[in-house]
Amino acid sequence: MNKLELIATLKNEADISKAEAAEVVQIFFDSMTEALARGERVEIRGLCSFFIKEYKSYTGRNPKTGEKVLIQPKKLPFFKCGKELKERVDYPEKAEKRA
């Protein structure tokens, strides 16, 4: 599912206009992005969590030349799957019975 498909699903399920659905999705994504940029953890119970991992600088190697290269410190967002999502993906027939 991509962003446009998410907007279409929200539009149909919530019975709102496409523009309203697009705005809701954009607000959701912007809020998550801003929280992560501040270093905050974003948790959606049962579905997933997003958090920032910080990496220190280290010495790496250029794979072509073998030359040593200083890798700058960086922060990367990470996704962690929630228990309920794992179960729904691994055992979809059980999830259908619950719904």
N, C-alpha and C. Protein backbone atom coordinates (compact mmCIF):
# COMPACT_ATOMS: atom_id res chain seq x y z
N MET A 1 0.85 -1.17 0.00
CA MET A 1 0.00 0.00 0.00
C MET A 1 0.90 1.24 0.00
N ASN A 2 0.60 2.16 -0.88
CA ASN A 2 1.35 3.41 -0.91
C ASN A 2 0.49 4.55 -0.34
N LYS A 3 1.02 5.76 -0.35
CA LYS A 3 0.33 6.90 0.25
C LYS A 3 -1.02 7.17 -0.42
N LEU A 4 -1.07 7.10 -1.75
CA LEU A 4 -2.34 7.35 -2.45
C LEU A 4 -3.39 6.29 -2.12
N GLU A 5 -2.95 5.05 -2.00
CA GLU A 5 -3.89 3.98 -1.63
C GLU A 5 -4.39 4.17 -0.20
N LEU A 6 -3.52 4.63 0.68
CA LEU A 6 -3.91 4.92 2.06
C LEU A 6 -4.95 6.04 2.09
N ILE A 7 -4.73 7.07 1.30
CA ILE A 7 -5.70 8.19 1.22
C ILE A 7 -7.04 7.69 0.70
N ALA A 8 -7.03 6.86 -0.34
CA ALA A 8 -8.27 6.33 -0.91
C ALA A 8 -9.02 5.46 0.11
N THR A 9 -8.29 4.65 0.86
CA THR A 9 -8.92 3.80 1.88
C THR A 9 -9.54 4.65 2.98
N LEU A 10 -8.81 5.65 3.44
CA LEU A 10 -9.33 6.55 4.47
C LEU A 10 -10.57 7.29 3.97
N LYS A 11 -10.54 7.75 2.74
CA LYS A 11 -11.67 8.45 2.13
C LYS A 11 -12.91 7.57 2.15
N ASN A 12 -12.75 6.32 1.74
CA ASN A 12 -13.89 5.40 1.66
C ASN A 12 -14.38 4.95 3.04
N GLU A 13 -13.46 4.62 3.92
CA GLU A 13 -13.83 4.11 5.25
C GLU A 13 -14.44 5.20 6.14
N ALA A 14 -13.91 6.41 6.06
CA ALA A 14 -14.38 7.50 6.93
C ALA A 14 -15.45 8.35 6.26
N ASP A 15 -15.73 8.06 4.99
CA ASP A 15 -16.73 8.81 4.23
C ASP A 15 -16.43 10.31 4.26
N ILE A 16 -15.19 10.65 3.88
CA ILE A 16 -14.77 12.04 3.78
C ILE A 16 -14.23 12.28 2.38
N SER A 17 -14.01 13.54 2.04
CA SER A 17 -13.50 13.86 0.71
C SER A 17 -12.05 13.42 0.56
N LYS A 18 -11.61 13.32 -0.68
CA LYS A 18 -10.22 12.93 -0.94
C LYS A 18 -9.26 13.97 -0.37
N ALA A 19 -9.62 15.25 -0.49
CA ALA A 19 -8.78 16.34 0.03
C ALA A 19 -8.65 16.24 1.55
N GLU A 20 -9.76 15.95 2.22
CA GLU A 20 -9.72 15.81 3.69
C GLU A 20 -8.87 14.61 4.09
N ALA A 21 -9.02 13.51 3.38
CA ALA A 21 -8.24 12.31 3.67
C ALA A 21 -6.76 12.58 3.45
N ALA A 22 -6.42 13.26 2.38
CA ALA A 22 -5.02 13.59 2.09
C ALA A 22 -4.45 14.48 3.19
N GLU A 23 -5.24 15.42 3.69
CA GLU A 23 -4.79 16.31 4.75
C GLU A 23 -4.54 15.53 6.04
N VAL A 24 -5.43 14.60 6.38
CA VAL A 24 -5.27 13.78 7.59
C VAL A 24 -3.99 12.95 7.49
N VAL A 25 -3.77 12.31 6.35
CA VAL A 25 -2.57 11.50 6.16
C VAL A 25 -1.32 12.37 6.25
N GLN A 26 -1.34 13.54 5.64
CA GLN A 26 -0.18 14.43 5.68
C GLN A 26 0.10 14.91 7.10
N ILE A 27 -0.94 15.25 7.85
CA ILE A 27 -0.77 15.68 9.24
C ILE A 27 -0.14 14.54 10.05
N PHE A 28 -0.62 13.32 9.82
CA PHE A 28 -0.10 12.15 10.52
C PHE A 28 1.39 11.97 10.23
N PHE A 29 1.76 11.98 8.96
CA PHE A 29 3.16 11.80 8.58
C PHE A 29 4.04 12.95 9.08
N ASP A 30 3.54 14.18 8.96
CA ASP A 30 4.31 15.34 9.42
C ASP A 30 4.55 15.26 10.93
N SER A 31 3.53 14.88 11.68
CA SER A 31 3.65 14.78 13.14
C SER A 31 4.67 13.72 13.52
N MET A 32 4.64 12.58 12.85
CA MET A 32 5.62 11.53 13.12
C MET A 32 7.04 12.00 12.79
N THR A 33 7.19 12.64 11.64
CA THR A 33 8.50 13.11 11.19
C THR A 33 9.06 14.14 12.16
N GLU A 34 8.23 15.07 12.60
CA GLU A 34 8.67 16.11 13.52
C GLU A 34 9.08 15.51 14.87
N ALA A 35 8.32 14.55 15.35
CA ALA A 35 8.65 13.90 16.63
C ALA A 35 9.99 13.17 16.52
N LEU A 36 10.20 12.45 15.42
CA LEU A 36 11.46 11.74 15.23
C LEU A 36 12.63 12.73 15.10
N ALA A 37 12.41 13.84 14.42
CA ALA A 37 13.45 14.85 14.27
C ALA A 37 13.86 15.43 15.62
N ARG A 38 12.92 15.47 16.58
CA ARG A 38 13.22 15.94 17.94
C ARG A 38 13.85 14.84 18.79
N GLY A 39 13.98 13.63 18.21
CA GLY A 39 14.58 12.51 18.93
C GLY A 39 13.58 11.73 19.76
N GLU A 40 12.29 12.01 19.57
CA GLU A 40 11.25 11.31 20.32
C GLU A 40 10.92 9.97 19.68
N ARG A 41 10.44 9.07 20.49
CA ARG A 41 9.98 7.76 20.03
C ARG A 41 8.51 7.90 19.63
N VAL A 42 8.12 7.27 18.52
CA VAL A 42 6.73 7.27 18.07
C VAL A 42 6.21 5.84 18.22
N GLU A 43 5.17 5.66 19.01
CA GLU A 43 4.64 4.32 19.25
C GLU A 43 3.16 4.27 18.90
N ILE A 44 2.80 3.30 18.08
CA ILE A 44 1.41 3.05 17.74
C ILE A 44 1.12 1.65 18.28
N ARG A 45 0.49 1.58 19.44
CA ARG A 45 0.27 0.32 20.15
C ARG A 45 -0.33 -0.75 19.24
N GLY A 46 0.26 -1.94 19.31
CA GLY A 46 -0.22 -3.07 18.53
C GLY A 46 0.28 -3.10 17.10
N LEU A 47 0.76 -1.97 16.61
CA LEU A 47 1.20 -1.90 15.22
C LEU A 47 2.72 -1.82 15.12
N CYS A 48 3.29 -0.73 15.64
CA CYS A 48 4.73 -0.55 15.48
C CYS A 48 5.22 0.60 16.33
N SER A 49 6.54 0.75 16.33
CA SER A 49 7.15 1.94 16.93
C SER A 49 8.31 2.36 16.04
N PHE A 50 8.59 3.64 16.07
CA PHE A 50 9.71 4.23 15.35
C PHE A 50 10.59 4.90 16.38
N PHE A 51 11.89 4.78 16.23
CA PHE A 51 12.81 5.44 17.14
C PHE A 51 14.10 5.76 16.39
N ILE A 52 14.90 6.62 17.00
CA ILE A 52 16.15 7.06 16.38
C ILE A 52 17.32 6.33 17.04
N LYS A 53 18.19 5.79 16.22
CA LYS A 53 19.43 5.18 16.70
C LYS A 53 20.57 6.12 16.34
N GLU A 54 21.44 6.35 17.30
CA GLU A 54 22.59 7.22 17.06
C GLU A 54 23.85 6.38 16.90
N TYR A 55 24.61 6.69 15.87
CA TYR A 55 25.85 5.99 15.60
C TYR A 55 27.02 6.95 15.77
N LYS A 56 28.07 6.50 16.44
CA LYS A 56 29.26 7.31 16.61
C LYS A 56 30.09 7.25 15.34
N SER A 57 31.03 8.17 15.21
CA SER A 57 31.91 8.13 14.04
C SER A 57 32.86 6.95 14.18
N TYR A 58 33.30 6.45 13.06
CA TYR A 58 34.24 5.33 13.05
C TYR A 58 35.04 5.37 11.76
N THR A 59 36.10 4.58 11.73
CA THR A 59 36.93 4.51 10.54
C THR A 59 36.48 3.33 9.70
N GLY A 60 36.09 3.62 8.46
CA GLY A 60 35.68 2.58 7.53
C GLY A 60 36.69 2.49 6.40
N ARG A 61 36.37 1.71 5.41
CA ARG A 61 37.26 1.57 4.25
C ARG A 61 36.47 1.77 2.97
N ASN A 62 37.10 2.44 2.02
CA ASN A 62 36.54 2.58 0.69
C ASN A 62 36.66 1.20 0.03
N PRO A 63 35.54 0.59 -0.39
CA PRO A 63 35.62 -0.77 -0.94
C PRO A 63 36.42 -0.87 -2.24
N LYS A 64 36.49 0.22 -3.00
CA LYS A 64 37.24 0.18 -4.27
C LYS A 64 38.74 0.29 -4.06
N THR A 65 39.12 1.23 -3.17
CA THR A 65 40.56 1.50 -3.03
C THR A 65 41.16 0.89 -1.76
N GLY A 66 40.33 0.55 -0.80
CA GLY A 66 40.84 0.04 0.47
C GLY A 66 41.33 1.15 1.38
N GLU A 67 41.21 2.40 0.91
CA GLU A 67 41.66 3.56 1.68
C GLU A 67 40.77 3.75 2.92
N LYS A 68 41.41 4.14 4.05
CA LYS A 68 40.65 4.41 5.28
C LYS A 68 39.86 5.71 5.11
N VAL A 69 38.64 5.68 5.59
CA VAL A 69 37.74 6.84 5.48
C VAL A 69 37.07 7.05 6.83
N LEU A 70 37.00 8.30 7.28
CA LEU A 70 36.31 8.61 8.53
C LEU A 70 34.82 8.71 8.24
N ILE A 71 34.03 7.87 8.89
CA ILE A 71 32.57 7.91 8.74
C ILE A 71 32.03 8.81 9.85
N GLN A 72 31.30 9.84 9.46
CA GLN A 72 30.76 10.82 10.40
C GLN A 72 29.66 10.20 11.26
N PRO A 73 29.45 10.74 12.48
CA PRO A 73 28.35 10.24 13.31
C PRO A 73 27.03 10.52 12.60
N LYS A 74 26.05 9.67 12.86
CA LYS A 74 24.75 9.87 12.21
C LYS A 74 23.62 9.33 13.07
N LYS A 75 22.43 9.77 12.74
CA LYS A 75 21.20 9.32 13.39
C LYS A 75 20.32 8.73 12.31
N LEU A 76 19.76 7.55 12.58
CA LEU A 76 18.88 6.91 11.60
C LEU A 76 17.59 6.47 12.26
N PRO A 77 16.46 6.63 11.55
CA PRO A 77 15.20 6.15 12.10
C PRO A 77 15.10 4.64 11.95
N PHE A 78 14.52 3.98 12.96
CA PHE A 78 14.31 2.54 12.92
C PHE A 78 12.85 2.23 13.18
N PHE A 79 12.40 1.15 12.59
CA PHE A 79 11.03 0.65 12.71
C PHE A 79 11.07 -0.64 13.50
N LYS A 80 10.19 -0.78 14.48
CA LYS A 80 10.08 -2.03 15.22
C LYS A 80 8.62 -2.47 15.16
N CYS A 81 8.43 -3.66 14.69
CA CYS A 81 7.10 -4.22 14.52
C CYS A 81 6.48 -4.55 15.88
N GLY A 82 5.18 -4.27 16.03
CA GLY A 82 4.48 -4.60 17.26
C GLY A 82 4.03 -6.05 17.27
N LYS A 83 3.73 -6.56 18.46
CA LYS A 83 3.34 -7.96 18.62
C LYS A 83 2.09 -8.30 17.81
N GLU A 84 1.08 -7.44 17.87
CA GLU A 84 -0.17 -7.71 17.15
C GLU A 84 0.05 -7.76 15.64
N LEU A 85 0.87 -6.86 15.12
CA LEU A 85 1.16 -6.86 13.69
C LEU A 85 1.90 -8.14 13.29
N LYS A 86 2.88 -8.54 14.09
CA LYS A 86 3.61 -9.78 13.82
C LYS A 86 2.65 -10.95 13.72
N GLU A 87 1.72 -11.04 14.67
CA GLU A 87 0.76 -12.14 14.69
C GLU A 87 -0.17 -12.09 13.47
N ARG A 88 -0.62 -10.90 13.09
CA ARG A 88 -1.52 -10.78 11.95
C ARG A 88 -0.84 -11.15 10.64
N VAL A 89 0.45 -10.85 10.54
CA VAL A 89 1.20 -11.19 9.33
C VAL A 89 1.53 -12.68 9.31
N ASP A 90 1.93 -13.20 10.47
CA ASP A 90 2.35 -14.60 10.55
C ASP A 90 1.16 -15.56 10.52
N TYR A 91 0.05 -15.16 11.12
CA TYR A 91 -1.14 -16.02 11.19
C TYR A 91 -2.38 -15.24 10.74
N PRO A 92 -2.49 -14.93 9.45
CA PRO A 92 -3.62 -14.09 8.99
C PRO A 92 -4.99 -14.72 9.24
N GLU A 93 -5.07 -16.05 9.26
CA GLU A 93 -6.37 -16.70 9.50
C GLU A 93 -6.88 -16.43 10.91
N LYS A 94 -5.99 -16.33 11.90
CA LYS A 94 -6.39 -16.00 13.26
C LYS A 94 -6.88 -14.57 13.35
N ALA A 95 -6.21 -13.66 12.63
CA ALA A 95 -6.59 -12.24 12.65
C ALA A 95 -7.98 -12.06 12.06
N GLU A 96 -8.32 -12.82 11.02
CA GLU A 96 -9.64 -12.69 10.40
C GLU A 96 -10.73 -13.13 11.36
N LYS A 97 -10.47 -14.14 12.18
CA LYS A 97 -11.46 -14.63 13.14
C LYS A 97 -11.75 -13.60 14.22
N ARG A 98 -10.70 -12.81 14.60
CA ARG A 98 -10.87 -11.77 15.62
C ARG A 98 -11.67 -10.59 15.10
N ALA A 99 -11.50 -10.28 13.83
CA ALA A 99 -12.11 -9.06 13.26
C ALA A 99 -13.59 -9.17 13.06
